[in-house]
Amino acid sequence: MRGPLQADDVASLRANYWTPVAAALERYAPAAIDRLTALRLYTGNESIRPQLDVRHTASRSEWRLSVFPGYDIILRAADKAEGKAAALSIGREHQVGRTTVPFTDQCSK
C-alpha cells in the first residue's frame, strides 16, 4: 500500500496528467470527459481528482486505466442499453496546458 503523495509525486502528476487523458480519449474516440469533471472544466476548474469519468462510443466496454497510483480514468460506454445506438453529445473542448480535451455537454446518469 502506498502512503500519501509526496511533493515530487504531486508535481509529476500535475505536469503529466492530461497527456495520458488525451491519449485515452483519442484511443476510445469519440469520447469525452463526463460528469463532475466536465462541470469543473466548464467553470475553469482544472484540478486533478482521483477518478476521471469518460464516456465513449468505441465499444460497449467499461475500462479503468491507471494514470498514477490512486488516479484512474474510468471509460464507460455512452449507452449500454441493448438495441440502442450509442450516442455521445460532446460539448466544447477545453485547453489544459498543451492538451485539448473534449467534455460532454450534459451529465450522464
C-alpha atoms as a PDB file:
ATOM      1  CA  MET A   1       0.000   0.000   0.000  1.00  0.00           C
ATOM      2  CA  ARG A   2       1.233   3.450  -0.834  1.00  0.00           C
ATOM      3  CA  GLY A   3       1.230   6.381   1.567  1.00  0.00           C
ATOM      4  CA  PRO A   4       0.277   9.996   0.862  1.00  0.00           C
ATOM      5  CA  LEU A   5       1.648  11.657  -2.253  1.00  0.00           C
ATOM      6  CA  GLN A   6       4.994  13.354  -1.831  1.00  0.00           C
ATOM      7  CA  ALA A   7       5.715  16.807  -3.281  1.00  0.00           C
ATOM      8  CA  ASP A   8       7.649  15.287  -6.226  1.00  0.00           C
ATOM      9  CA  ASP A   9       4.736  12.932  -6.960  1.00  0.00           C
ATOM     10  CA  VAL A  10       2.242  15.798  -6.982  1.00  0.00           C
ATOM     11  CA  ALA A  11       4.446  17.879  -9.308  1.00  0.00           C
ATOM     12  CA  SER A  12       4.880  14.921 -11.661  1.00  0.00           C
ATOM     13  CA  LEU A  13       1.156  14.185 -11.641  1.00  0.00           C
ATOM     14  CA  ARG A  14       0.213  17.812 -12.408  1.00  0.00           C
ATOM     15  CA  ALA A  15       2.799  18.091 -15.170  1.00  0.00           C
ATOM     16  CA  ASN A  16       1.803  14.880 -16.927  1.00  0.00           C
ATOM     17  CA  TYR A  17      -1.821  14.076 -16.086  1.00  0.00           C
ATOM     18  CA  TRP A  18      -3.677  15.477 -19.098  1.00  0.00           C
ATOM     19  CA  THR A  19      -1.398  13.881 -21.721  1.00  0.00           C
ATOM     20  CA  PRO A  20      -2.490  10.273 -20.990  1.00  0.00           C
ATOM     21  CA  VAL A  21      -6.069  11.515 -20.559  1.00  0.00           C
ATOM     22  CA  ALA A  22      -5.970  12.971 -24.090  1.00  0.00           C
ATOM     23  CA  ALA A  23      -4.422   9.725 -25.397  1.00  0.00           C
ATOM     24  CA  ALA A  24      -7.222   7.666 -23.803  1.00  0.00           C
ATOM     25  CA  LEU A  25      -9.855   9.992 -25.264  1.00  0.00           C
ATOM     26  CA  GLU A  26      -8.275   9.618 -28.692  1.00  0.00           C
ATOM     27  CA  ARG A  27      -7.992   5.832 -28.395  1.00  0.00           C
ATOM     28  CA  TYR A  28     -11.679   5.453 -27.459  1.00  0.00           C
ATOM     29  CA  ALA A  29     -12.992   8.239 -29.737  1.00  0.00           C
ATOM     30  CA  PRO A  30     -15.458   9.585 -29.921  1.00  0.00           C
ATOM     31  CA  ALA A  31     -15.001  10.094 -26.212  1.00  0.00           C
ATOM     32  CA  ALA A  32     -15.400  12.992 -23.802  1.00  0.00           C
ATOM     33  CA  ILE A  33     -14.907  13.836 -20.157  1.00  0.00           C
ATOM     34  CA  ASP A  34     -18.144  13.356 -18.275  1.00  0.00           C
ATOM     35  CA  ARG A  35     -19.907  14.149 -15.010  1.00  0.00           C
ATOM     36  CA  LEU A  36     -18.374  16.334 -12.308  1.00  0.00           C
ATOM     37  CA  THR A  37     -15.044  16.790 -14.104  1.00  0.00           C
ATOM     38  CA  ALA A  38     -16.897  18.110 -17.168  1.00  0.00           C
ATOM     39  CA  LEU A  39     -18.667  20.646 -14.961  1.00  0.00           C
ATOM     40  CA  ARG A  40     -15.385  21.620 -13.321  1.00  0.00           C
ATOM     41  CA  LEU A  41     -13.677  22.138 -16.682  1.00  0.00           C
ATOM     42  CA  TYR A  42     -16.678  24.107 -17.927  1.00  0.00           C
ATOM     43  CA  THR A  43     -16.266  26.503 -14.990  1.00  0.00           C
ATOM     44  CA  GLY A  44     -12.470  26.702 -15.383  1.00  0.00           C
ATOM     45  CA  ASN A  45     -11.500  24.359 -12.542  1.00  0.00           C
ATOM     46  CA  GLU A  46      -8.625  22.166 -13.807  1.00  0.00           C
ATOM     47  CA  SER A  47      -7.934  20.392 -10.520  1.00  0.00           C
ATOM     48  CA  ILE A  48      -6.986  16.731 -10.683  1.00  0.00           C
ATOM     49  CA  ARG A  49      -9.193  14.241  -8.865  1.00  0.00           C
ATOM     50  CA  PRO A  50      -8.603  10.531  -8.126  1.00  0.00           C
ATOM     51  CA  GLN A  51     -11.286   9.468 -10.608  1.00  0.00           C
ATOM     52  CA  LEU A  52     -11.939  10.899 -14.066  1.00  0.00           C
ATOM     53  CA  ASP A  53     -15.195   9.811 -15.739  1.00  0.00           C
ATOM     54  CA  VAL A  54     -15.127   9.473 -19.518  1.00  0.00           C
ATOM     55  CA  ARG A  55     -17.922   8.427 -21.883  1.00  0.00           C
ATOM     56  CA  HIS A  56     -17.011   6.724 -25.165  1.00  0.00           C
ATOM     57  CA  THR A  57     -18.658   5.058 -28.145  1.00  0.00           C
ATOM     58  CA  ALA A  58     -15.737   2.900 -29.324  1.00  0.00           C
ATOM     59  CA  SER A  59     -17.381  -0.209 -27.845  1.00  0.00           C
ATOM     60  CA  ARG A  60     -19.804  -1.276 -25.150  1.00  0.00           C
ATOM     61  CA  SER A  61     -16.922  -1.891 -22.750  1.00  0.00           C
ATOM     62  CA  GLU A  62     -16.017  -0.266 -19.471  1.00  0.00           C
ATOM     63  CA  TRP A  63     -12.333   0.187 -18.683  1.00  0.00           C
ATOM     64  CA  ARG A  64     -10.289   1.514 -15.789  1.00  0.00           C
ATOM     65  CA  LEU A  65      -6.911   2.978 -16.727  1.00  0.00           C
ATOM     66  CA  SER A  66      -4.457   3.911 -14.003  1.00  0.00           C
ATOM     67  CA  VAL A  67      -2.678   7.196 -14.763  1.00  0.00           C
ATOM     68  CA  PHE A  68      -0.826   7.306 -11.459  1.00  0.00           C
ATOM     69  CA  PRO A  69      -1.278   5.179  -8.318  1.00  0.00           C
ATOM     70  CA  GLY A  70      -4.688   6.145  -6.964  1.00  0.00           C
ATOM     71  CA  TYR A  71      -5.637   8.216 -10.054  1.00  0.00           C
ATOM     72  CA  ASP A  72      -7.782   6.407 -12.608  1.00  0.00           C
ATOM     73  CA  ILE A  73      -9.647   7.143 -15.813  1.00  0.00           C
ATOM     74  CA  ILE A  74     -12.987   5.311 -15.910  1.00  0.00           C
ATOM     75  CA  LEU A  75     -14.124   4.815 -19.506  1.00  0.00           C
ATOM     76  CA  ARG A  76     -17.815   3.914 -19.788  1.00  0.00           C
ATOM     77  CA  ALA A  77     -19.859   3.193 -22.899  1.00  0.00           C
ATOM     78  CA  ALA A  78     -22.099   6.111 -23.835  1.00  0.00           C
ATOM     79  CA  ASP A  79     -25.133   3.845 -23.988  1.00  0.00           C
ATOM     80  CA  LYS A  80     -25.105   0.286 -22.693  1.00  0.00           C
ATOM     81  CA  ALA A  81     -28.815  -0.364 -23.246  1.00  0.00           C
ATOM     82  CA  GLU A  82     -29.208  -3.291 -25.608  1.00  0.00           C
ATOM     83  CA  GLY A  83     -30.599  -2.418 -29.005  1.00  0.00           C
ATOM     84  CA  LYS A  84     -29.943   1.316 -28.617  1.00  0.00           C
ATOM     85  CA  ALA A  85     -27.447   3.120 -30.781  1.00  0.00           C
ATOM     86  CA  ALA A  86     -24.611   4.671 -28.826  1.00  0.00           C
ATOM     87  CA  ALA A  87     -24.798   8.437 -28.800  1.00  0.00           C
ATOM     88  CA  LEU A  88     -22.436  10.900 -27.234  1.00  0.00           C
ATOM     89  CA  SER A  89     -23.215  14.569 -27.044  1.00  0.00           C
ATOM     90  CA  ILE A  90     -19.887  16.392 -26.976  1.00  0.00           C
ATOM     91  CA  GLY A  91     -19.819  19.990 -25.815  1.00  0.00           C
ATOM     92  CA  ARG A  92     -16.893  22.272 -26.339  1.00  0.00           C
ATOM     93  CA  GLU A  93     -13.221  21.453 -25.869  1.00  0.00           C
ATOM     94  CA  HIS A  94     -11.069  22.785 -23.067  1.00  0.00           C
ATOM     95  CA  GLN A  95      -7.375  23.651 -23.233  1.00  0.00           C
ATOM     96  CA  VAL A  96      -5.404  22.269 -20.278  1.00  0.00           C
ATOM     97  CA  GLY A  97      -1.729  23.184 -20.613  1.00  0.00           C
ATOM     98  CA  ARG A  98      -0.684  21.960 -24.054  1.00  0.00           C
ATOM     99  CA  THR A  99      -3.538  19.446 -24.254  1.00  0.00           C
ATOM    100  CA  THR A 100      -7.074  19.935 -25.539  1.00  0.00           C
ATOM    101  CA  VAL A 101      -9.799  17.694 -24.103  1.00  0.00           C
ATOM    102  CA  PRO A 102     -13.488  17.456 -25.072  1.00  0.00           C
ATOM    103  CA  PHE A 103     -16.234  17.167 -22.492  1.00  0.00           C
ATOM    104  CA  THR A 104     -19.879  16.160 -22.631  1.00  0.00           C
ATOM    105  CA  ASP A 105     -22.432  18.925 -22.726  1.00  0.00           C
ATOM    106  CA  GLN A 106     -24.694  17.139 -20.263  1.00  0.00           C
ATOM    107  CA  CYS A 107     -24.121  14.914 -17.265  1.00  0.00           C
ATOM    108  CA  SER A 108     -24.843  11.233 -17.783  1.00  0.00           C
ATOM    109  CA  LYS A 109     -26.991   9.182 -15.486  1.00  0.00           C
END
